[in-house]
Amino acid sequence: MSGLKSAWEISMEKSDKLVPEVKKQKKLTARQKERIAEIRKEFKARIADKDVTLQHKLNHLAERTPPEQLEMESEKLKQEFVEEKEQLEKELESQVEAVRKPSP
């Protein structure tokens, strides 16, 4: 019976075969984990700020936009938000990756 493997052991062996570079990665230090958490928190706040700004603009859009252009302007604002959010997410991942792999 000692030759039997648990499901966990089998899945770990399979995952090593599927993604061998993950095993080669060094474990993050406490400082790196802390810095990554700070970066994620900062970007979460920046995205939330953009979302609040968007909602404010959408709520006041009718006051300054002719009714026939309301939907078009609304979609334009939403698209701008999506683009800004994507840019912030790319920047976030770039900064996190820089913390994970410090330059020599």
N, C-alpha and C. Protein backbone atom coordinates (compact mmCIF):
# COMPACT_ATOMS: atom_id res chain seq x y z
N MET A 1 0.79 -1.20 0.00
CA MET A 1 0.00 0.00 0.00
C MET A 1 0.84 1.26 0.00
N SER A 2 2.09 1.14 0.33
CA SER A 2 2.94 2.32 0.41
C SER A 2 3.22 2.91 -0.98
N GLY A 3 2.96 2.15 -2.04
CA GLY A 3 3.20 2.62 -3.38
C GLY A 3 2.10 3.53 -3.92
N LEU A 4 1.00 3.66 -3.21
CA LEU A 4 -0.10 4.49 -3.67
C LEU A 4 0.20 5.97 -3.40
N LYS A 5 -0.20 6.79 -4.35
CA LYS A 5 -0.02 8.24 -4.21
C LYS A 5 -1.37 8.89 -3.98
N SER A 6 -1.33 9.98 -3.24
CA SER A 6 -2.56 10.73 -3.03
C SER A 6 -2.89 11.53 -4.29
N ALA A 7 -4.11 11.97 -4.36
CA ALA A 7 -4.53 12.80 -5.50
C ALA A 7 -3.71 14.07 -5.56
N TRP A 8 -3.35 14.60 -4.40
CA TRP A 8 -2.56 15.83 -4.34
C TRP A 8 -1.18 15.59 -4.95
N GLU A 9 -0.52 14.48 -4.59
CA GLU A 9 0.80 14.17 -5.13
C GLU A 9 0.76 13.99 -6.65
N ILE A 10 -0.28 13.32 -7.13
CA ILE A 10 -0.43 13.11 -8.56
C ILE A 10 -0.63 14.44 -9.29
N SER A 11 -1.48 15.29 -8.72
CA SER A 11 -1.73 16.58 -9.38
C SER A 11 -0.48 17.46 -9.37
N MET A 12 0.33 17.38 -8.32
CA MET A 12 1.56 18.16 -8.26
C MET A 12 2.54 17.68 -9.33
N GLU A 13 2.62 16.38 -9.53
CA GLU A 13 3.50 15.84 -10.57
C GLU A 13 3.04 16.30 -11.95
N LYS A 14 1.73 16.27 -12.17
CA LYS A 14 1.19 16.71 -13.46
C LYS A 14 1.43 18.19 -13.68
N SER A 15 1.25 18.98 -12.65
CA SER A 15 1.45 20.43 -12.81
C SER A 15 2.91 20.75 -13.09
N ASP A 16 3.83 20.01 -12.49
CA ASP A 16 5.25 20.22 -12.76
C ASP A 16 5.56 19.93 -14.22
N LYS A 17 4.92 18.92 -14.78
CA LYS A 17 5.15 18.57 -16.17
C LYS A 17 4.53 19.60 -17.11
N LEU A 18 3.37 20.14 -16.74
CA LEU A 18 2.68 21.11 -17.59
C LEU A 18 3.36 22.47 -17.59
N VAL A 19 3.80 22.92 -16.43
CA VAL A 19 4.38 24.26 -16.30
C VAL A 19 5.68 24.17 -15.50
N PRO A 20 6.75 23.68 -16.11
CA PRO A 20 8.00 23.50 -15.36
C PRO A 20 8.65 24.81 -14.90
N GLU A 21 8.39 25.93 -15.61
CA GLU A 21 9.02 27.19 -15.21
C GLU A 21 8.50 27.70 -13.87
N VAL A 22 7.30 27.27 -13.47
CA VAL A 22 6.75 27.69 -12.18
C VAL A 22 7.60 27.12 -11.06
N LYS A 23 8.07 25.90 -11.22
CA LYS A 23 8.88 25.27 -10.19
C LYS A 23 10.23 25.97 -10.06
N LYS A 24 10.73 26.53 -11.15
CA LYS A 24 12.02 27.20 -11.16
C LYS A 24 11.96 28.59 -10.52
N GLN A 25 10.77 29.17 -10.43
CA GLN A 25 10.65 30.51 -9.87
C GLN A 25 11.03 30.49 -8.39
N LYS A 26 11.73 31.54 -7.99
CA LYS A 26 12.09 31.66 -6.59
C LYS A 26 10.88 32.12 -5.80
N LYS A 27 10.82 31.69 -4.58
CA LYS A 27 9.74 32.14 -3.71
C LYS A 27 9.94 33.62 -3.42
N LEU A 28 8.83 34.32 -3.28
CA LEU A 28 8.89 35.75 -2.99
C LEU A 28 9.27 35.98 -1.53
N THR A 29 10.03 37.01 -1.30
CA THR A 29 10.38 37.39 0.06
C THR A 29 9.18 38.11 0.68
N ALA A 30 9.24 38.26 1.97
CA ALA A 30 8.17 38.99 2.67
C ALA A 30 8.08 40.42 2.16
N ARG A 31 9.23 41.03 1.90
CA ARG A 31 9.26 42.41 1.40
C ARG A 31 8.64 42.50 0.01
N GLN A 32 8.92 41.51 -0.85
CA GLN A 32 8.33 41.50 -2.19
C GLN A 32 6.82 41.34 -2.10
N LYS A 33 6.35 40.45 -1.25
CA LYS A 33 4.91 40.25 -1.08
C LYS A 33 4.25 41.53 -0.59
N GLU A 34 4.91 42.19 0.36
CA GLU A 34 4.39 43.44 0.90
C GLU A 34 4.31 44.51 -0.19
N ARG A 35 5.37 44.62 -0.98
CA ARG A 35 5.41 45.63 -2.05
C ARG A 35 4.35 45.35 -3.11
N ILE A 36 4.17 44.08 -3.48
CA ILE A 36 3.15 43.72 -4.45
C ILE A 36 1.76 44.06 -3.91
N ALA A 37 1.53 43.79 -2.64
CA ALA A 37 0.24 44.13 -2.03
C ALA A 37 0.01 45.65 -2.06
N GLU A 38 1.06 46.42 -1.80
CA GLU A 38 0.96 47.89 -1.86
C GLU A 38 0.61 48.35 -3.27
N ILE A 39 1.28 47.77 -4.25
CA ILE A 39 1.03 48.14 -5.65
C ILE A 39 -0.40 47.82 -6.03
N ARG A 40 -0.86 46.62 -5.69
CA ARG A 40 -2.23 46.22 -6.02
C ARG A 40 -3.25 47.13 -5.35
N LYS A 41 -2.98 47.49 -4.10
CA LYS A 41 -3.89 48.39 -3.36
C LYS A 41 -3.94 49.76 -4.03
N GLU A 42 -2.78 50.26 -4.41
CA GLU A 42 -2.71 51.57 -5.07
C GLU A 42 -3.51 51.57 -6.38
N PHE A 43 -3.31 50.53 -7.19
CA PHE A 43 -3.99 50.49 -8.48
C PHE A 43 -5.49 50.23 -8.32
N LYS A 44 -5.86 49.46 -7.31
CA LYS A 44 -7.28 49.25 -7.04
C LYS A 44 -7.94 50.59 -6.72
N ALA A 45 -7.25 51.41 -5.93
CA ALA A 45 -7.77 52.73 -5.57
C ALA A 45 -7.84 53.64 -6.80
N ARG A 46 -6.83 53.58 -7.65
CA ARG A 46 -6.83 54.42 -8.86
C ARG A 46 -7.97 54.03 -9.79
N ILE A 47 -8.21 52.73 -9.94
CA ILE A 47 -9.30 52.27 -10.80
C ILE A 47 -10.65 52.66 -10.19
N ALA A 48 -10.77 52.52 -8.88
CA ALA A 48 -12.01 52.91 -8.20
C ALA A 48 -12.27 54.41 -8.38
N ASP A 49 -11.21 55.21 -8.31
CA ASP A 49 -11.34 56.65 -8.51
C ASP A 49 -11.84 56.95 -9.92
N LYS A 50 -11.29 56.26 -10.90
CA LYS A 50 -11.75 56.44 -12.29
C LYS A 50 -13.21 56.05 -12.43
N ASP A 51 -13.61 54.98 -11.74
CA ASP A 51 -15.00 54.53 -11.81
C ASP A 51 -15.95 55.56 -11.18
N VAL A 52 -15.55 56.10 -10.05
CA VAL A 52 -16.38 57.13 -9.39
C VAL A 52 -16.50 58.35 -10.28
N THR A 53 -15.39 58.73 -10.91
CA THR A 53 -15.41 59.88 -11.82
C THR A 53 -16.34 59.62 -12.99
N LEU A 54 -16.28 58.41 -13.53
CA LEU A 54 -17.17 58.03 -14.63
C LEU A 54 -18.64 58.14 -14.20
N GLN A 55 -18.96 57.58 -13.05
CA GLN A 55 -20.34 57.62 -12.58
C GLN A 55 -20.81 59.05 -12.38
N HIS A 56 -19.94 59.90 -11.87
CA HIS A 56 -20.29 61.31 -11.69
C HIS A 56 -20.57 61.98 -13.04
N LYS A 57 -19.69 61.71 -14.01
CA LYS A 57 -19.89 62.29 -15.34
C LYS A 57 -21.18 61.78 -15.98
N LEU A 58 -21.46 60.49 -15.81
CA LEU A 58 -22.69 59.93 -16.39
C LEU A 58 -23.92 60.52 -15.73
N ASN A 59 -23.87 60.74 -14.42
CA ASN A 59 -25.02 61.31 -13.71
C ASN A 59 -25.31 62.74 -14.12
N HIS A 60 -24.28 63.46 -14.51
CA HIS A 60 -24.45 64.87 -14.89
C HIS A 60 -24.43 65.09 -16.40
N LEU A 61 -24.39 64.02 -17.14
CA LEU A 61 -24.31 64.11 -18.60
C LEU A 61 -25.55 64.78 -19.19
N ALA A 62 -26.71 64.46 -18.66
CA ALA A 62 -27.96 65.01 -19.20
C ALA A 62 -28.03 66.53 -19.05
N GLU A 63 -27.34 67.06 -18.06
CA GLU A 63 -27.37 68.50 -17.82
C GLU A 63 -26.62 69.29 -18.90
N ARG A 64 -25.64 68.68 -19.52
CA ARG A 64 -24.80 69.43 -20.45
C ARG A 64 -24.76 68.83 -21.85
N THR A 65 -25.60 67.85 -22.12
CA THR A 65 -25.59 67.19 -23.42
C THR A 65 -27.00 67.19 -24.01
N PRO A 66 -27.13 67.53 -25.28
CA PRO A 66 -28.44 67.46 -25.93
C PRO A 66 -28.97 66.02 -25.89
N PRO A 67 -30.27 65.86 -25.73
CA PRO A 67 -30.86 64.51 -25.60
C PRO A 67 -30.51 63.56 -26.74
N GLU A 68 -30.41 64.09 -27.95
CA GLU A 68 -30.13 63.22 -29.09
C GLU A 68 -28.68 62.69 -29.07
N GLN A 69 -27.80 63.32 -28.31
CA GLN A 69 -26.40 62.89 -28.22
C GLN A 69 -26.09 62.16 -26.91
N LEU A 70 -27.08 62.04 -26.07
CA LEU A 70 -26.88 61.48 -24.74
C LEU A 70 -26.30 60.06 -24.77
N GLU A 71 -26.90 59.20 -25.54
CA GLU A 71 -26.44 57.80 -25.59
C GLU A 71 -25.03 57.71 -26.16
N MET A 72 -24.76 58.47 -27.22
CA MET A 72 -23.45 58.44 -27.84
C MET A 72 -22.36 58.93 -26.87
N GLU A 73 -22.64 60.00 -26.17
CA GLU A 73 -21.69 60.54 -25.20
C GLU A 73 -21.49 59.58 -24.03
N SER A 74 -22.56 58.95 -23.62
CA SER A 74 -22.48 57.97 -22.53
C SER A 74 -21.57 56.81 -22.92
N GLU A 75 -21.75 56.28 -24.11
CA GLU A 75 -20.91 55.18 -24.59
C GLU A 75 -19.46 55.62 -24.74
N LYS A 76 -19.26 56.84 -25.18
CA LYS A 76 -17.91 57.37 -25.32
C LYS A 76 -17.20 57.42 -23.96
N LEU A 77 -17.90 57.91 -22.94
CA LEU A 77 -17.32 57.97 -21.60
C LEU A 77 -17.00 56.57 -21.07
N LYS A 78 -17.92 55.65 -21.30
CA LYS A 78 -17.69 54.26 -20.84
C LYS A 78 -16.50 53.63 -21.55
N GLN A 79 -16.36 53.89 -22.83
CA GLN A 79 -15.23 53.33 -23.59
C GLN A 79 -13.91 53.93 -23.10
N GLU A 80 -13.91 55.22 -22.81
CA GLU A 80 -12.71 55.85 -22.27
C GLU A 80 -12.32 55.22 -20.94
N PHE A 81 -13.32 54.93 -20.10
CA PHE A 81 -13.05 54.29 -18.82
C PHE A 81 -12.44 52.91 -19.02
N VAL A 82 -13.00 52.14 -19.94
CA VAL A 82 -12.48 50.79 -20.22
C VAL A 82 -11.01 50.87 -20.66
N GLU A 83 -10.71 51.81 -21.54
CA GLU A 83 -9.34 51.97 -22.03
C GLU A 83 -8.39 52.39 -20.90
N GLU A 84 -8.83 53.33 -20.07
CA GLU A 84 -8.00 53.77 -18.95
C GLU A 84 -7.78 52.63 -17.96
N LYS A 85 -8.83 51.86 -17.72
CA LYS A 85 -8.72 50.73 -16.78
C LYS A 85 -7.75 49.68 -17.32
N GLU A 86 -7.84 49.38 -18.61
CA GLU A 86 -6.92 48.41 -19.21
C GLU A 86 -5.48 48.90 -19.11
N GLN A 87 -5.27 50.19 -19.34
CA GLN A 87 -3.93 50.76 -19.25
C GLN A 87 -3.40 50.65 -17.81
N LEU A 88 -4.25 50.95 -16.84
CA LEU A 88 -3.84 50.85 -15.44
C LEU A 88 -3.52 49.40 -15.07
N GLU A 89 -4.32 48.46 -15.58
CA GLU A 89 -4.07 47.05 -15.30
C GLU A 89 -2.75 46.59 -15.91
N LYS A 90 -2.42 47.07 -17.10
CA LYS A 90 -1.13 46.73 -17.71
C LYS A 90 0.02 47.30 -16.88
N GLU A 91 -0.15 48.53 -16.45
CA GLU A 91 0.87 49.17 -15.63
C GLU A 91 1.04 48.42 -14.31
N LEU A 92 -0.07 47.99 -13.73
CA LEU A 92 -0.05 47.21 -12.49
C LEU A 92 0.76 45.94 -12.69
N GLU A 93 0.45 45.19 -13.72
CA GLU A 93 1.15 43.93 -13.97
C GLU A 93 2.63 44.16 -14.24
N SER A 94 2.95 45.25 -14.92
CA SER A 94 4.34 45.58 -15.19
C SER A 94 5.10 45.85 -13.90
N GLN A 95 4.49 46.61 -13.01
CA GLN A 95 5.14 46.92 -11.74
C GLN A 95 5.27 45.69 -10.85
N VAL A 96 4.25 44.85 -10.85
CA VAL A 96 4.30 43.61 -10.06
C VAL A 96 5.41 42.71 -10.60
N GLU A 97 5.50 42.60 -11.91
CA GLU A 97 6.54 41.76 -12.52
C GLU A 97 7.93 42.30 -12.19
N ALA A 98 8.08 43.62 -12.14
CA ALA A 98 9.36 44.23 -11.80
C ALA A 98 9.76 43.88 -10.36
N VAL A 99 8.78 43.79 -9.48
CA VAL A 99 9.07 43.41 -8.08
C VAL A 99 9.44 41.92 -8.01
N ARG A 100 8.75 41.10 -8.79
CA ARG A 100 9.03 39.66 -8.80
C ARG A 100 10.42 39.35 -9.33
N LYS A 101 10.84 40.08 -10.36
CA LYS A 101 12.13 39.82 -11.00
C LYS A 101 12.99 41.08 -10.92
N PRO A 102 13.58 41.32 -9.79
CA PRO A 102 14.42 42.52 -9.67
C PRO A 102 15.63 42.41 -10.59
N SER A 103 16.06 43.56 -11.09
CA SER A 103 17.22 43.57 -12.00
C SER A 103 18.49 43.24 -11.21
N PRO A 104 19.42 42.53 -11.83
CA PRO A 104 20.64 42.11 -11.12
C PRO A 104 21.58 43.24 -10.81
